[in-house]
């Protein structure tokens, strides 16, 4: 592949593989609120959060890290505004102190923080308004979690992005394809991707270990190991699920996210790491497989969008299954067969919000992806015309993206209606 593609793909990794502590939607609210507090210049006396349906869907059930068990939009906004550090971005709540939690709890008891539904065609869209005395500040976020497009103080625009574009994504993604991702993983200088892979290994495996040891959610990871034989496939599902349960249940450890999601970051990396270690595959090969999996997740999500009614861990599990095929020396044809086999099986698990049961969906999606990998390595694959499968795997990925972004939009609206 040419040098421009390599630099573009490295830039994609730099943009996408960032640390975040806690579920990304409440953390995004906390970050915007903390940024608003900086502009306001003092603690708010009132907060109004106007949120699109997908934000409401993904914040209502998850525990917020470093909050002593708080949940919900009001808590995320208040904790960010009163005790957060905007300079840490998606780790905005990392330094929250007991005093900060106490101040936040007292603020919430006053009932001066409220939430309104924001009518918007953009799935990830919210506006936080902070009020103190006669002053007010608006912070608007669109398209992705860190993408602040406008800050206004007392009718004066302090910051604005022209056309409200997504300024957090600058790298050219047009060359993403299965073939180009495969070539990049094979050809790139390992030293250029090592820092990304090492962070993924350190952070995402640490929270997986915490999930297996702690008491989070309903204990899916432990249940998998207790119920099934301790095969590599069971361990892959168990550790990925345990990491998700810990994260969604308020664990204060960071995760390296992918395409704006910690669960996608976990699902696209932990299975590859566990599989490689269980099979004693060299670490250099594992790092290349991690890069392959990360870029495959980004590639699929480009067609779906950051938030939708399509569960993103399906894309991440598909990528992980394909990366495991890559890891064991599978051909590009076998990698494509793994993707086709997975998408012939689970192309439409719904997203009904962020919560601890996301771990169960990770387990189910990985079960399908691992079986798809096993079939592909036996030379077995579903053919063109089987359901939505196309002749070219890239076309299948685009079609699944269309279903997730367009076809499932009414489903998303009905899910949100049921919730609110």
Protein backbone atom coordinates (compact mmCIF):
# COMPACT_ATOMS: atom_id res chain seq x y z
CA UNK A 1 0.00 0.00 0.00
CA UNK A 2 1.16 3.56 -0.62
CA UNK A 3 2.56 5.92 2.01
CA UNK A 4 -0.52 8.17 2.07
CA UNK A 5 -2.78 5.26 3.01
CA UNK A 6 -0.40 4.26 5.80
CA UNK A 7 -0.39 7.78 7.20
CA UNK A 8 -4.18 8.01 6.91
CA UNK A 9 -4.65 4.72 8.75
CA UNK A 10 -2.21 5.79 11.48
CA UNK A 11 -4.16 9.02 11.85
CA UNK A 12 -7.42 7.04 12.17
CA UNK A 13 -5.90 4.99 14.99
CA UNK A 14 -4.73 8.18 16.70
CA UNK A 15 -8.23 9.66 16.54
CA UNK A 16 -10.18 6.55 17.46
CA UNK A 17 -8.14 4.71 20.08
CA UNK A 18 -8.46 7.07 23.01
CA UNK A 19 -8.97 6.32 26.72
CA UNK A 20 -12.36 6.84 28.34
CA UNK A 21 -13.46 6.07 31.86
CA UNK A 22 -17.04 4.87 32.06
CA UNK A 23 -19.74 4.58 29.40
CA UNK A 24 -18.97 7.16 26.70
CA UNK A 25 -22.40 8.87 26.62
CA UNK A 26 -22.55 9.97 30.29
CA UNK A 27 -18.86 10.84 30.09
CA UNK A 28 -19.56 13.00 27.03
CA UNK A 29 -22.25 14.85 29.01
CA UNK A 30 -19.85 15.30 31.92
CA UNK A 31 -17.12 16.59 29.60
CA UNK A 32 -19.40 19.15 27.93
CA UNK A 33 -20.68 20.25 31.33
CA UNK A 34 -17.15 20.65 32.68
CA UNK A 35 -16.23 22.70 29.62
CA UNK A 36 -19.31 24.86 30.18
CA UNK A 37 -18.34 25.45 33.80
CA UNK A 38 -14.92 26.71 32.64
CA UNK A 39 -16.63 29.30 30.44
CA UNK A 40 -19.21 30.18 33.08
CA UNK A 41 -16.42 30.79 35.58
CA UNK A 42 -18.18 29.34 38.62
CA UNK A 43 -20.33 26.44 39.77
CA UNK A 44 -23.78 26.41 38.15
CA UNK A 45 -26.96 27.04 40.09
CA UNK A 46 -29.02 25.22 37.46
CA UNK A 47 -28.44 22.86 34.52
CA UNK A 48 -30.65 22.00 31.55
CA UNK A 49 -29.66 19.05 29.35
CA UNK A 50 -31.43 18.82 25.99
CA UNK A 51 -30.62 15.39 24.57
CA UNK A 52 -31.39 13.37 21.46
CA UNK A 53 -33.10 10.04 21.92
CA UNK A 54 -29.93 7.99 21.61
CA UNK A 55 -28.23 9.98 24.36
CA UNK A 56 -31.22 9.43 26.65
CA UNK A 57 -31.21 5.73 25.72
CA UNK A 58 -27.53 5.25 26.51
CA UNK A 59 -27.30 7.18 29.79
CA UNK A 60 -30.37 6.19 31.75
CA UNK A 61 -29.15 2.82 33.10
CA UNK A 62 -25.37 2.89 33.48
CA UNK A 63 -23.47 3.71 36.65
CA UNK A 64 -21.17 6.71 36.43
CA UNK A 65 -17.58 6.04 37.56
CA UNK A 66 -16.21 7.93 40.57
CA UNK A 67 -19.74 8.93 41.58
CA UNK A 68 -20.55 6.58 44.46
CA UNK A 69 -23.15 4.79 42.33
CA UNK A 70 -24.91 7.71 40.62
CA UNK A 71 -26.85 7.10 37.39
CA UNK A 72 -28.68 9.23 34.85
CA UNK A 73 -28.28 12.35 32.75
CA UNK A 74 -28.74 14.79 35.63
CA UNK A 75 -26.00 13.12 37.65
CA UNK A 76 -23.57 12.98 34.71
CA UNK A 77 -24.03 16.68 33.93
CA UNK A 78 -23.87 17.81 37.55
CA UNK A 79 -20.81 15.72 38.39
CA UNK A 80 -18.97 17.00 35.34
CA UNK A 81 -19.87 20.64 36.00
CA UNK A 82 -19.11 20.59 39.72
CA UNK A 83 -16.29 18.07 40.11
CA UNK A 84 -14.96 17.27 36.63
CA UNK A 85 -11.80 18.35 34.84
CA UNK A 86 -12.48 19.26 31.19
CA UNK A 87 -8.76 19.05 30.42
CA UNK A 88 -8.95 15.26 30.82
CA UNK A 89 -11.63 15.06 28.09
CA UNK A 90 -13.09 11.52 28.14
CA UNK A 91 -11.41 10.90 31.50
CA UNK A 92 -13.09 14.03 32.85
CA UNK A 93 -14.20 12.29 36.07
CA UNK A 94 -10.91 10.58 36.87
CA UNK A 95 -9.96 13.08 39.57
CA UNK A 96 -13.36 13.44 41.28
CA UNK A 97 -12.92 13.62 45.06
CA UNK A 98 -15.31 12.59 47.86
CA UNK A 99 -15.93 16.29 48.44
CA UNK A 100 -16.88 16.68 44.79
CA UNK A 101 -19.35 13.81 45.03
CA UNK A 102 -20.85 15.36 48.18
CA UNK A 103 -21.24 18.76 46.50
CA UNK A 104 -22.84 17.11 43.46
CA UNK A 105 -25.30 15.15 45.60
CA UNK A 106 -26.30 18.35 47.43
CA UNK A 107 -26.79 20.13 44.09
CA UNK A 108 -28.97 17.34 42.73
CA UNK A 109 -31.18 17.41 45.83
CA UNK A 110 -32.15 21.00 44.97
CA UNK A 111 -33.88 19.76 41.82
CA UNK A 112 -32.37 22.46 39.63
CA UNK A 113 -31.04 20.06 37.01
CA UNK A 114 -33.52 18.98 34.33
CA UNK A 115 -33.62 17.03 31.08
CA UNK A 116 -35.57 17.72 27.89
CA UNK A 117 -35.94 15.65 24.73
CA UNK A 118 -34.10 17.27 21.81
CA UNK A 119 -35.78 16.79 18.43
CA UNK A 120 -32.85 16.17 16.08
CA UNK A 121 -32.00 14.17 12.99
CA UNK A 122 -28.52 13.62 14.46
CA UNK A 123 -28.41 10.52 16.69
CA UNK A 124 -25.62 11.89 18.89
CA UNK A 125 -26.69 15.44 19.70
CA UNK A 126 -27.09 17.37 22.95
CA UNK A 127 -26.97 20.89 24.34
CA UNK A 128 -26.00 21.58 27.95
CA UNK A 129 -27.06 24.90 29.51
CA UNK A 130 -25.44 26.02 32.75
CA UNK A 131 -26.94 28.94 34.69
CA UNK A 132 -25.56 31.00 37.58
CA UNK A 133 -26.96 34.36 38.65
CA UNK A 134 -27.67 36.33 35.49
CA UNK A 135 -25.17 34.38 33.40
CA UNK A 136 -25.68 31.32 31.24
CA UNK A 137 -23.59 29.13 28.95
CA UNK A 138 -24.66 26.74 26.18
CA UNK A 139 -22.40 23.89 25.04
CA UNK A 140 -23.56 21.98 21.97
CA UNK A 141 -22.16 18.58 20.90
CA UNK A 142 -22.96 16.86 17.60
CA UNK A 143 -22.05 13.65 15.79
CA UNK A 144 -19.37 12.32 18.19
CA UNK A 145 -18.74 12.42 21.90
CA UNK A 146 -15.95 15.02 22.05
CA UNK A 147 -17.20 17.11 19.16
CA UNK A 148 -18.15 20.46 20.72
CA UNK A 149 -19.44 22.56 17.82
CA UNK A 150 -20.65 25.67 19.67
CA UNK A 151 -20.20 27.44 23.01
CA UNK A 152 -22.28 30.51 23.78
CA UNK A 153 -22.15 32.76 26.86
CA UNK A 154 -24.92 35.31 27.40
CA UNK A 155 -25.81 35.41 23.67
CA UNK A 156 -22.16 35.84 22.67
CA UNK A 157 -20.58 33.01 20.65
CA UNK A 158 -17.37 31.99 22.36
CA UNK A 159 -16.58 29.08 20.05
CA UNK A 160 -18.19 27.72 16.89
CA UNK A 161 -17.33 25.23 14.16
CA UNK A 162 -18.42 26.18 10.67
CA UNK A 163 -21.23 23.94 9.35
CA UNK A 164 -21.21 22.03 12.68
CA UNK A 165 -18.94 19.35 11.23
CA UNK A 166 -17.31 16.59 13.24
CA UNK A 167 -13.94 18.18 14.03
CA UNK A 168 -12.77 15.16 16.03
CA UNK A 169 -12.46 13.10 12.83
CA UNK A 170 -9.97 14.64 10.42
CA UNK A 171 -8.27 11.58 8.96
CA UNK A 172 -9.23 10.42 5.48
CA UNK A 173 -11.26 7.21 5.84
CA UNK A 174 -12.05 6.73 2.15
CA UNK A 175 -9.40 4.03 1.63
CA UNK A 176 -10.74 1.73 4.35
CA UNK A 177 -11.42 -1.72 2.93
CA UNK A 178 -10.76 -5.31 3.97
CA UNK A 179 -7.85 -5.60 1.54
CA UNK A 180 -6.23 -2.30 2.57
CA UNK A 181 -6.63 -3.01 6.28
CA UNK A 182 -5.06 -6.45 5.72
CA UNK A 183 -2.11 -4.92 3.84
CA UNK A 184 -1.65 -2.21 6.48
CA UNK A 185 -1.58 -4.75 9.33
CA UNK A 186 1.04 -6.78 7.46
CA UNK A 187 3.25 -3.96 6.22
CA UNK A 188 3.24 -1.20 8.82
CA UNK A 189 6.37 -0.72 10.93
CA UNK A 190 5.52 -2.36 14.24
CA UNK A 191 7.05 0.52 16.21
CA UNK A 192 4.42 2.87 14.73
CA UNK A 193 1.49 0.82 16.06
CA UNK A 194 3.08 -0.56 19.22
CA UNK A 195 1.99 2.36 21.49
CA UNK A 196 -1.67 1.92 20.48
CA UNK A 197 -1.58 -1.84 20.92
CA UNK A 198 0.22 -1.65 24.26
CA UNK A 199 -2.40 0.76 25.63
CA UNK A 200 -5.20 -1.52 24.44
CA UNK A 201 -3.56 -4.54 26.05
CA UNK A 202 -2.84 -2.74 29.33
CA UNK A 203 -6.18 -0.96 29.80
CA UNK A 204 -8.68 -3.37 28.31
CA UNK A 205 -7.19 -6.48 29.88
CA UNK A 206 -6.90 -4.76 33.26
CA UNK A 207 -10.63 -4.02 33.36
CA UNK A 208 -11.34 -7.55 32.10
CA UNK A 209 -9.37 -8.94 35.03
CA UNK A 210 -11.21 -6.59 37.42
CA UNK A 211 -14.53 -7.74 35.98
CA UNK A 212 -13.64 -11.39 36.53
CA UNK A 213 -12.54 -10.73 40.11
CA UNK A 214 -15.19 -8.21 41.18
CA UNK A 215 -18.94 -8.23 41.69
CA UNK A 216 -20.31 -6.38 38.66
CA UNK A 217 -23.62 -6.82 36.89
CA UNK A 218 -24.81 -10.40 37.15
CA UNK A 219 -21.36 -11.95 36.72
CA UNK A 220 -21.53 -13.19 33.13
CA UNK A 221 -17.81 -13.82 32.82
CA UNK A 222 -17.70 -16.11 35.85
CA UNK A 223 -20.95 -17.81 34.81
CA UNK A 224 -19.51 -18.65 31.38
CA UNK A 225 -16.44 -20.27 32.91
CA UNK A 226 -18.55 -22.13 35.48
CA UNK A 227 -21.05 -23.37 32.89
CA UNK A 228 -18.89 -24.36 29.93
CA UNK A 229 -15.61 -26.15 29.44
CA UNK A 230 -12.60 -23.84 29.75
CA UNK A 231 -11.87 -23.75 26.03
CA UNK A 232 -10.21 -20.77 24.42
CA UNK A 233 -13.59 -19.82 22.93
CA UNK A 234 -15.22 -19.74 26.37
CA UNK A 235 -12.39 -17.65 27.83
CA UNK A 236 -12.61 -15.18 24.95
CA UNK A 237 -16.31 -14.58 25.66
CA UNK A 238 -15.89 -14.61 29.43
CA UNK A 239 -13.15 -11.98 29.66
CA UNK A 240 -14.74 -9.64 27.11
CA UNK A 241 -18.11 -9.88 28.86
CA UNK A 242 -16.55 -9.33 32.28
CA UNK A 243 -14.78 -6.20 31.06
CA UNK A 244 -18.06 -4.79 29.76
CA UNK A 245 -19.95 -5.56 32.96
CA UNK A 246 -17.31 -3.80 35.04
CA UNK A 247 -17.35 -0.76 32.77
CA UNK A 248 -21.13 -0.46 32.61
CA UNK A 249 -21.49 -0.97 36.36
CA UNK A 250 -19.32 2.01 37.30
CA UNK A 251 -15.76 0.64 37.45
CA UNK A 252 -13.33 3.57 37.58
CA UNK A 253 -10.75 2.03 35.23
CA UNK A 254 -10.25 3.46 31.71
CA UNK A 255 -10.92 1.59 28.47
CA UNK A 256 -9.37 2.29 25.08
CA UNK A 257 -12.45 2.93 22.99
CA UNK A 258 -13.05 2.28 19.28
CA UNK A 259 -15.49 4.30 17.13
CA UNK A 260 -16.63 6.20 20.21
CA UNK A 261 -17.54 3.12 22.27
CA UNK A 262 -15.84 1.36 25.14
CA UNK A 263 -17.84 -1.80 24.56
CA UNK A 264 -16.68 -1.81 20.94
CA UNK A 265 -13.14 -1.20 22.14
CA UNK A 266 -13.40 -4.14 24.52
CA UNK A 267 -15.07 -6.47 22.01
CA UNK A 268 -12.56 -5.75 19.25
CA UNK A 269 -9.48 -6.25 21.46
CA UNK A 270 -9.96 -8.52 24.48
CA UNK A 271 -10.90 -11.61 22.38
CA UNK A 272 -7.79 -11.15 20.21
CA UNK A 273 -5.52 -10.79 23.25
CA UNK A 274 -7.01 -13.75 25.11
CA UNK A 275 -6.90 -15.97 22.03
CA UNK A 276 -3.29 -15.04 21.22
CA UNK A 277 -2.13 -15.67 24.77
CA UNK A 278 -3.98 -18.97 25.07
CA UNK A 279 -2.51 -20.16 21.77
CA UNK A 280 0.95 -18.72 22.58
CA UNK A 281 1.00 -16.63 19.43
CA UNK A 282 3.91 -14.12 19.37
CA UNK A 283 3.07 -10.66 20.71
CA UNK A 284 4.17 -8.92 17.51
CA UNK A 285 1.55 -10.88 15.55
CA UNK A 286 -1.04 -10.12 18.23
CA UNK A 287 -0.36 -6.38 17.90
CA UNK A 288 -0.87 -6.52 14.17
CA UNK A 289 -4.14 -8.41 14.73
CA UNK A 290 -5.27 -5.74 17.20
CA UNK A 291 -4.69 -3.02 14.61
CA UNK A 292 -6.55 -5.11 12.04
CA UNK A 293 -9.51 -5.54 14.42
CA UNK A 294 -9.63 -1.86 15.37
CA UNK A 295 -9.62 -0.65 11.78
CA UNK A 296 -12.18 -3.29 10.76
CA UNK A 297 -14.50 -1.98 13.49
CA UNK A 298 -14.05 1.61 12.32
CA UNK A 299 -14.62 0.54 8.71
CA UNK A 300 -17.97 -1.09 9.52
CA UNK A 301 -19.13 1.73 11.79
CA UNK A 302 -18.45 4.33 9.11
CA UNK A 303 -21.61 3.07 7.36
CA UNK A 304 -23.72 2.79 10.52
CA UNK A 305 -22.78 5.88 12.52
CA UNK A 306 -21.75 6.36 16.15
CA UNK A 307 -25.23 5.66 17.58
CA UNK A 308 -28.19 3.79 16.11
CA UNK A 309 -30.62 0.95 16.81
CA UNK A 310 -27.96 -1.45 15.53
CA UNK A 311 -25.89 -2.86 18.40
CA UNK A 312 -22.29 -1.79 17.76
CA UNK A 313 -20.77 -4.86 19.40
CA UNK A 314 -21.95 -6.87 16.38
CA UNK A 315 -19.54 -4.84 14.24
CA UNK A 316 -16.78 -5.16 16.84
CA UNK A 317 -17.32 -8.92 17.27
CA UNK A 318 -17.29 -9.37 13.49
CA UNK A 319 -13.96 -7.53 13.44
CA UNK A 320 -12.61 -9.65 16.31
CA UNK A 321 -13.57 -12.89 14.56
CA UNK A 322 -11.89 -11.71 11.36
CA UNK A 323 -8.82 -10.63 13.35
CA UNK A 324 -8.55 -14.09 14.94
CA UNK A 325 -8.63 -15.58 11.45
CA UNK A 326 -5.83 -13.16 10.56
CA UNK A 327 -4.01 -14.06 13.78
CA UNK A 328 -3.81 -17.75 12.90
CA UNK A 329 -2.59 -17.08 9.36
CA UNK A 330 -5.90 -17.20 7.54
CA UNK A 331 -5.99 -15.98 3.95
CA UNK A 332 -7.80 -12.84 2.86
CA UNK A 333 -10.50 -15.16 1.50
CA UNK A 334 -10.91 -16.87 4.87
CA UNK A 335 -11.07 -13.47 6.59
CA UNK A 336 -13.88 -12.45 4.24
CA UNK A 337 -15.62 -15.76 4.86
CA UNK A 338 -15.46 -15.11 8.62
CA UNK A 339 -17.12 -11.73 8.12
CA UNK A 340 -19.79 -13.15 5.80
CA UNK A 341 -20.51 -16.05 8.15
CA UNK A 342 -20.94 -13.66 11.08
CA UNK A 343 -23.16 -11.23 9.21
CA UNK A 344 -25.26 -14.10 7.88
CA UNK A 345 -25.96 -14.98 11.52
CA UNK A 346 -26.39 -11.79 13.61
CA UNK A 347 -26.80 -8.75 11.35
CA UNK A 348 -29.35 -6.93 13.50
CA UNK A 349 -29.21 -7.17 17.29
CA UNK A 350 -31.01 -4.06 18.55
CA UNK A 351 -29.39 -1.46 20.77
CA UNK A 352 -31.78 -0.73 23.64
CA UNK A 353 -29.36 1.48 25.53
CA UNK A 354 -26.12 1.17 27.44
CA UNK A 355 -26.41 -1.08 30.49
CA UNK A 356 -24.83 -4.10 32.14
CA UNK A 357 -26.69 -6.51 29.83
CA UNK A 358 -24.53 -5.21 26.95
CA UNK A 359 -22.09 -7.83 28.26
CA UNK A 360 -24.56 -10.58 27.32
CA UNK A 361 -24.80 -9.19 23.80
CA UNK A 362 -21.00 -9.18 23.59
CA UNK A 363 -20.96 -12.84 24.60
CA UNK A 364 -23.62 -13.74 22.02
CA UNK A 365 -21.97 -11.74 19.23
CA UNK A 366 -18.57 -13.28 19.95
CA UNK A 367 -20.11 -16.74 20.00
CA UNK A 368 -21.34 -16.13 16.45
CA UNK A 369 -18.04 -14.59 15.33
CA UNK A 370 -15.93 -17.39 16.75
CA UNK A 371 -18.10 -20.04 15.12
CA UNK A 372 -17.89 -18.04 11.88
CA UNK A 373 -14.10 -18.14 12.19
CA UNK A 374 -14.14 -21.90 12.82
CA UNK A 375 -16.30 -22.47 9.74
CA UNK A 376 -14.09 -20.26 7.58
CA UNK A 377 -10.97 -22.17 8.64
CA UNK A 378 -12.72 -25.38 7.54
CA UNK A 379 -13.36 -23.85 4.13
CA UNK A 380 -17.07 -23.38 4.83
CA UNK A 381 -18.89 -20.12 4.09
CA UNK A 382 -22.36 -18.91 3.18
CA UNK A 383 -22.62 -17.90 -0.44
CA UNK A 384 -23.84 -14.81 -2.24
CA UNK A 385 -27.60 -14.47 -2.09
CA UNK A 386 -27.88 -16.08 1.34
CA UNK A 387 -30.11 -13.48 2.93
CA UNK A 388 -28.41 -10.11 2.63
CA UNK A 389 -24.97 -11.47 1.63
CA UNK A 390 -23.52 -9.93 -1.53
CA UNK A 391 -20.85 -11.25 -3.89
CA UNK A 392 -18.30 -8.87 -2.39
CA UNK A 393 -17.89 -8.78 1.42
CA UNK A 394 -17.31 -5.04 1.32
CA UNK A 395 -20.72 -4.62 -0.32
CA UNK A 396 -22.27 -6.74 2.43
CA UNK A 397 -20.69 -4.47 5.05
CA UNK A 398 -22.10 -1.40 3.26
CA UNK A 399 -25.55 -2.98 3.08
CA UNK A 400 -25.52 -3.88 6.77
CA UNK A 401 -24.50 -0.29 7.46
CA UNK A 402 -27.46 0.96 5.43
CA UNK A 403 -29.79 -1.30 7.40
CA UNK A 404 -28.34 0.00 10.68
CA UNK A 405 -28.35 3.68 9.75
CA UNK A 406 -31.51 3.95 7.61
CA UNK A 407 -33.56 0.78 7.88
CA UNK A 408 -33.48 0.60 11.67
CA UNK A 409 -34.12 4.31 12.24
CA UNK A 410 -37.86 3.74 12.89
CA UNK A 411 -36.90 0.93 15.27
CA UNK A 412 -34.64 3.33 17.14
CA UNK A 413 -37.47 5.86 17.45
CA UNK A 414 -39.82 3.22 18.86
CA UNK A 415 -37.20 2.05 21.37
CA UNK A 416 -36.72 5.61 22.60
CA UNK A 417 -40.50 6.15 22.84
CA UNK A 418 -40.82 3.06 25.02
CA UNK A 419 -38.06 4.32 27.29
CA UNK A 420 -39.26 7.88 27.77
